[in-house]
Amino acid sequence: MRMRTDLWQGDFGYWQNLFIHQHILILGYTAWMGHLNQGRGMVACEVMDTISSSIDWSVDTVILDRTFIPQAQVANYLEAFELEKGAVTALLKAIATYEPTQAIVVLVIGNGNVDINLLQHLKISPSDCYNQVRRRWAEFQLDLNSDILLR
């Protein structure tokens, strides 16, 4: 995963890695909560703001909507994006085989793009993300809809 800001700034079209890096705790929280309640699946994260080259990921806040999509519902969810059949097949295989205690399948939607990642070899497990977010709940300023969704 390429994380150097100067490289990202030079190739502005690909911002998703820095987004994931800045939001890993909430993505891991969502993945673990989803796994506990619904089994395997993926985190779908829609970035509501337009991402520009002037964004400073360490201080700027972006509005996002995230949800956990259970494995049985992923194919139907993906139909709206008209992805290539091969990409959908690979994603479904990744969801069927990933290790939920150590990895996260995440779909990031923003700036008119769809980016799918299998995050593995994380420095923090999804369950540790969950525990940190629960301990530091106020810092994440989750809205009521997300709070209800994730209980």
C-alpha atoms as a PDB file:
ATOM      1  CA  MET A   1       0.000   0.000   0.000  1.00  0.00           C
ATOM      2  CA  ARG A   2       1.536   3.303  -1.103  1.00  0.00           C
ATOM      3  CA  MET A   3       1.274   5.873   1.699  1.00  0.00           C
ATOM      4  CA  ARG A   4       3.777   8.636   0.958  1.00  0.00           C
ATOM      5  CA  THR A   5       1.897  11.902   0.579  1.00  0.00           C
ATOM      6  CA  ASP A   6       4.279  13.288  -2.044  1.00  0.00           C
ATOM      7  CA  LEU A   7       3.620  10.296  -4.282  1.00  0.00           C
ATOM      8  CA  TRP A   8      -0.100  10.602  -3.718  1.00  0.00           C
ATOM      9  CA  GLN A   9      -0.071  14.325  -4.458  1.00  0.00           C
ATOM     10  CA  GLY A  10       1.756  13.570  -7.713  1.00  0.00           C
ATOM     11  CA  ASP A  11      -0.869  11.000  -8.707  1.00  0.00           C
ATOM     12  CA  PHE A  12      -3.987  12.680  -7.380  1.00  0.00           C
ATOM     13  CA  GLY A  13      -6.411  10.274  -9.019  1.00  0.00           C
ATOM     14  CA  TYR A  14      -5.674   7.615  -6.381  1.00  0.00           C
ATOM     15  CA  TRP A  15      -6.471   8.912  -2.893  1.00  0.00           C
ATOM     16  CA  GLN A  16      -8.100   5.824  -1.379  1.00  0.00           C
ATOM     17  CA  ASN A  17      -5.017   4.467   0.405  1.00  0.00           C
ATOM     18  CA  LEU A  18      -4.574   7.641   2.437  1.00  0.00           C
ATOM     19  CA  PHE A  19      -8.302   7.672   3.171  1.00  0.00           C
ATOM     20  CA  ILE A  20      -8.126   4.082   4.455  1.00  0.00           C
ATOM     21  CA  HIS A  21      -5.002   4.870   6.472  1.00  0.00           C
ATOM     22  CA  GLN A  22      -6.714   7.821   8.194  1.00  0.00           C
ATOM     23  CA  HIS A  23      -9.938   5.889   8.876  1.00  0.00           C
ATOM     24  CA  ILE A  24      -8.630   2.408   9.705  1.00  0.00           C
ATOM     25  CA  LEU A  25     -10.030   2.429  13.246  1.00  0.00           C
ATOM     26  CA  ILE A  26     -13.591   3.136  12.179  1.00  0.00           C
ATOM     27  CA  LEU A  27     -13.317   0.751   9.216  1.00  0.00           C
ATOM     28  CA  GLY A  28     -11.979  -1.982  11.503  1.00  0.00           C
ATOM     29  CA  TYR A  29     -14.693  -1.222  14.047  1.00  0.00           C
ATOM     30  CA  THR A  30     -17.384  -1.526  11.387  1.00  0.00           C
ATOM     31  CA  ALA A  31     -15.873  -4.749  10.020  1.00  0.00           C
ATOM     32  CA  TRP A  32     -15.630  -6.385  13.428  1.00  0.00           C
ATOM     33  CA  MET A  33     -19.116  -5.317  14.523  1.00  0.00           C
ATOM     34  CA  GLY A  34     -20.505  -6.610  11.235  1.00  0.00           C
ATOM     35  CA  HIS A  35     -18.637  -9.875  11.566  1.00  0.00           C
ATOM     36  CA  LEU A  36     -19.886 -10.392  15.129  1.00  0.00           C
ATOM     37  CA  ASN A  37     -23.506  -9.738  14.141  1.00  0.00           C
ATOM     38  CA  GLN A  38     -23.705 -11.040  10.568  1.00  0.00           C
ATOM     39  CA  GLY A  39     -20.637 -13.154   9.756  1.00  0.00           C
ATOM     40  CA  ARG A  40     -18.468 -12.587   6.715  1.00  0.00           C
ATOM     41  CA  GLY A  41     -18.940  -9.539   4.543  1.00  0.00           C
ATOM     42  CA  MET A  42     -17.416  -6.256   3.484  1.00  0.00           C
ATOM     43  CA  VAL A  43     -17.367  -2.683   4.689  1.00  0.00           C
ATOM     44  CA  ALA A  44     -18.817  -0.284   2.129  1.00  0.00           C
ATOM     45  CA  CYS A  45     -17.697   3.285   2.676  1.00  0.00           C
ATOM     46  CA  GLU A  46     -19.088   6.142   0.614  1.00  0.00           C
ATOM     47  CA  VAL A  47     -17.142   9.380   0.836  1.00  0.00           C
ATOM     48  CA  MET A  48     -19.730  12.132   0.550  1.00  0.00           C
ATOM     49  CA  ASP A  49     -17.274  15.011   0.051  1.00  0.00           C
ATOM     50  CA  THR A  50     -15.415  15.652  -3.175  1.00  0.00           C
ATOM     51  CA  ILE A  51     -11.770  14.806  -2.598  1.00  0.00           C
ATOM     52  CA  SER A  52      -9.420  17.451  -3.968  1.00  0.00           C
ATOM     53  CA  SER A  53      -5.657  17.747  -4.155  1.00  0.00           C
ATOM     54  CA  SER A  54      -5.724  20.351  -1.367  1.00  0.00           C
ATOM     55  CA  ILE A  55      -6.989  17.933   1.296  1.00  0.00           C
ATOM     56  CA  ASP A  56      -4.721  17.404   4.280  1.00  0.00           C
ATOM     57  CA  TRP A  57      -5.668  13.935   5.525  1.00  0.00           C
ATOM     58  CA  SER A  58      -4.095  14.500   8.928  1.00  0.00           C
ATOM     59  CA  VAL A  59      -6.382  17.433   9.804  1.00  0.00           C
ATOM     60  CA  ASP A  60      -9.256  17.731   7.316  1.00  0.00           C
ATOM     61  CA  THR A  61     -12.471  15.896   8.017  1.00  0.00           C
ATOM     62  CA  VAL A  62     -14.414  14.179   5.271  1.00  0.00           C
ATOM     63  CA  ILE A  63     -18.025  13.127   5.547  1.00  0.00           C
ATOM     64  CA  LEU A  64     -18.488   9.430   4.982  1.00  0.00           C
ATOM     65  CA  ASP A  65     -21.263   6.900   5.176  1.00  0.00           C
ATOM     66  CA  ARG A  66     -20.199   3.383   6.064  1.00  0.00           C
ATOM     67  CA  THR A  67     -22.056   0.153   6.423  1.00  0.00           C
ATOM     68  CA  PHE A  68     -21.361  -3.545   6.674  1.00  0.00           C
ATOM     69  CA  ILE A  69     -22.710  -5.630   3.803  1.00  0.00           C
ATOM     70  CA  PRO A  70     -23.163  -9.319   4.754  1.00  0.00           C
ATOM     71  CA  GLN A  71     -21.685 -11.874   2.353  1.00  0.00           C
ATOM     72  CA  ALA A  72     -25.103 -13.045   1.127  1.00  0.00           C
ATOM     73  CA  GLN A  73     -26.027  -9.487   0.070  1.00  0.00           C
ATOM     74  CA  VAL A  74     -22.761  -8.388  -1.565  1.00  0.00           C
ATOM     75  CA  ALA A  75     -23.590  -9.492  -5.139  1.00  0.00           C
ATOM     76  CA  ASN A  76     -26.907  -7.610  -5.094  1.00  0.00           C
ATOM     77  CA  TYR A  77     -25.255  -4.546  -3.550  1.00  0.00           C
ATOM     78  CA  LEU A  78     -22.588  -4.483  -6.274  1.00  0.00           C
ATOM     79  CA  GLU A  79     -25.090  -4.583  -9.158  1.00  0.00           C
ATOM     80  CA  ALA A  80     -25.613  -0.814  -8.869  1.00  0.00           C
ATOM     81  CA  PHE A  81     -21.939  -0.216  -9.695  1.00  0.00           C
ATOM     82  CA  GLU A  82     -21.923  -2.249 -12.917  1.00  0.00           C
ATOM     83  CA  LEU A  83     -18.512  -3.732 -12.135  1.00  0.00           C
ATOM     84  CA  GLU A  84     -16.862  -6.234 -14.444  1.00  0.00           C
ATOM     85  CA  LYS A  85     -17.934  -9.808 -13.760  1.00  0.00           C
ATOM     86  CA  GLY A  86     -14.326 -10.831 -13.068  1.00  0.00           C
ATOM     87  CA  ALA A  87     -13.958  -8.149 -10.387  1.00  0.00           C
ATOM     88  CA  VAL A  88     -17.179  -9.234  -8.694  1.00  0.00           C
ATOM     89  CA  THR A  89     -16.113 -12.895  -8.794  1.00  0.00           C
ATOM     90  CA  ALA A  90     -12.728 -12.041  -7.266  1.00  0.00           C
ATOM     91  CA  LEU A  91     -14.381  -9.953  -4.560  1.00  0.00           C
ATOM     92  CA  LEU A  92     -16.851 -12.699  -3.664  1.00  0.00           C
ATOM     93  CA  LYS A  93     -13.962 -15.178  -3.446  1.00  0.00           C
ATOM     94  CA  ALA A  94     -12.017 -12.792  -1.189  1.00  0.00           C
ATOM     95  CA  ILE A  95     -15.026 -12.427   1.112  1.00  0.00           C
ATOM     96  CA  ALA A  96     -15.467 -16.205   1.259  1.00  0.00           C
ATOM     97  CA  THR A  97     -11.827 -16.814   2.188  1.00  0.00           C
ATOM     98  CA  TYR A  98     -10.479 -13.810   4.132  1.00  0.00           C
ATOM     99  CA  GLU A  99      -9.640 -14.154   7.837  1.00  0.00           C
ATOM    100  CA  PRO A 100     -12.058 -11.784   9.644  1.00  0.00           C
ATOM    101  CA  THR A 101      -9.862 -11.632  12.755  1.00  0.00           C
ATOM    102  CA  GLN A 102      -6.908 -10.315  10.738  1.00  0.00           C
ATOM    103  CA  ALA A 103      -8.246  -8.707   7.554  1.00  0.00           C
ATOM    104  CA  ILE A 104     -10.915  -6.341   6.249  1.00  0.00           C
ATOM    105  CA  VAL A 105     -12.625  -6.285   2.863  1.00  0.00           C
ATOM    106  CA  VAL A 106     -13.482  -2.659   2.116  1.00  0.00           C
ATOM    107  CA  LEU A 107     -15.168  -0.949  -0.803  1.00  0.00           C
ATOM    108  CA  VAL A 108     -14.545   2.810  -1.023  1.00  0.00           C
ATOM    109  CA  ILE A 109     -16.828   4.924  -3.191  1.00  0.00           C
ATOM    110  CA  GLY A 110     -15.907   8.527  -3.900  1.00  0.00           C
ATOM    111  CA  ASN A 111     -15.170  11.042  -6.640  1.00  0.00           C
ATOM    112  CA  GLY A 112     -17.062   8.812  -9.066  1.00  0.00           C
ATOM    113  CA  ASN A 113     -14.767   5.834  -8.447  1.00  0.00           C
ATOM    114  CA  VAL A 114     -15.156   2.461  -6.776  1.00  0.00           C
ATOM    115  CA  ASP A 115     -12.064   1.009  -5.099  1.00  0.00           C
ATOM    116  CA  ILE A 116     -12.033  -2.476  -3.555  1.00  0.00           C
ATOM    117  CA  ASN A 117      -9.342  -3.571  -1.106  1.00  0.00           C
ATOM    118  CA  LEU A 118      -8.509  -6.645   0.910  1.00  0.00           C
ATOM    119  CA  LEU A 119      -6.606  -5.168   3.844  1.00  0.00           C
ATOM    120  CA  GLN A 120      -4.312  -7.826   5.284  1.00  0.00           C
ATOM    121  CA  HIS A 121      -1.305  -7.837   7.589  1.00  0.00           C
ATOM    122  CA  LEU A 122      -2.753  -4.936   9.536  1.00  0.00           C
ATOM    123  CA  LYS A 123      -0.840  -3.464  12.450  1.00  0.00           C
ATOM    124  CA  ILE A 124      -4.120  -3.475  14.379  1.00  0.00           C
ATOM    125  CA  SER A 125      -6.723  -6.218  14.221  1.00  0.00           C
ATOM    126  CA  PRO A 126     -10.384  -5.477  13.534  1.00  0.00           C
ATOM    127  CA  SER A 127     -11.260  -6.501  17.110  1.00  0.00           C
ATOM    128  CA  ASP A 128      -8.628  -4.100  18.478  1.00  0.00           C
ATOM    129  CA  CYS A 129     -10.094  -1.339  16.266  1.00  0.00           C
ATOM    130  CA  TYR A 130     -13.500  -2.156  17.727  1.00  0.00           C
ATOM    131  CA  ASN A 131     -12.199  -1.985  21.295  1.00  0.00           C
ATOM    132  CA  GLN A 132     -10.358   1.311  20.711  1.00  0.00           C
ATOM    133  CA  VAL A 133     -13.379   2.961  19.124  1.00  0.00           C
ATOM    134  CA  ARG A 134     -15.625   1.817  21.968  1.00  0.00           C
ATOM    135  CA  ARG A 135     -13.180   3.234  24.554  1.00  0.00           C
ATOM    136  CA  ARG A 136     -12.805   6.513  22.649  1.00  0.00           C
ATOM    137  CA  TRP A 137     -16.397   6.753  21.370  1.00  0.00           C
ATOM    138  CA  ALA A 138     -16.738  10.550  21.714  1.00  0.00           C
ATOM    139  CA  GLU A 139     -13.705  11.146  19.482  1.00  0.00           C
ATOM    140  CA  PHE A 140     -15.405   9.504  16.546  1.00  0.00           C
ATOM    141  CA  GLN A 141     -18.557  11.653  16.724  1.00  0.00           C
ATOM    142  CA  LEU A 142     -20.720   9.035  15.108  1.00  0.00           C
ATOM    143  CA  ASP A 143     -24.156  10.184  14.057  1.00  0.00           C
ATOM    144  CA  LEU A 144     -27.326   8.590  15.434  1.00  0.00           C
ATOM    145  CA  ASN A 145     -27.917   6.476  12.332  1.00  0.00           C
ATOM    146  CA  SER A 146     -24.446   4.963  12.479  1.00  0.00           C
ATOM    147  CA  ASP A 147     -24.758   4.456  16.233  1.00  0.00           C
ATOM    148  CA  ILE A 148     -28.001   2.538  15.796  1.00  0.00           C
ATOM    149  CA  LEU A 149     -26.633   0.559  12.858  1.00  0.00           C
ATOM    150  CA  LEU A 150     -23.517  -0.558  14.720  1.00  0.00           C
ATOM    151  CA  ARG A 151     -24.947  -1.660  18.053  1.00  0.00           C
END
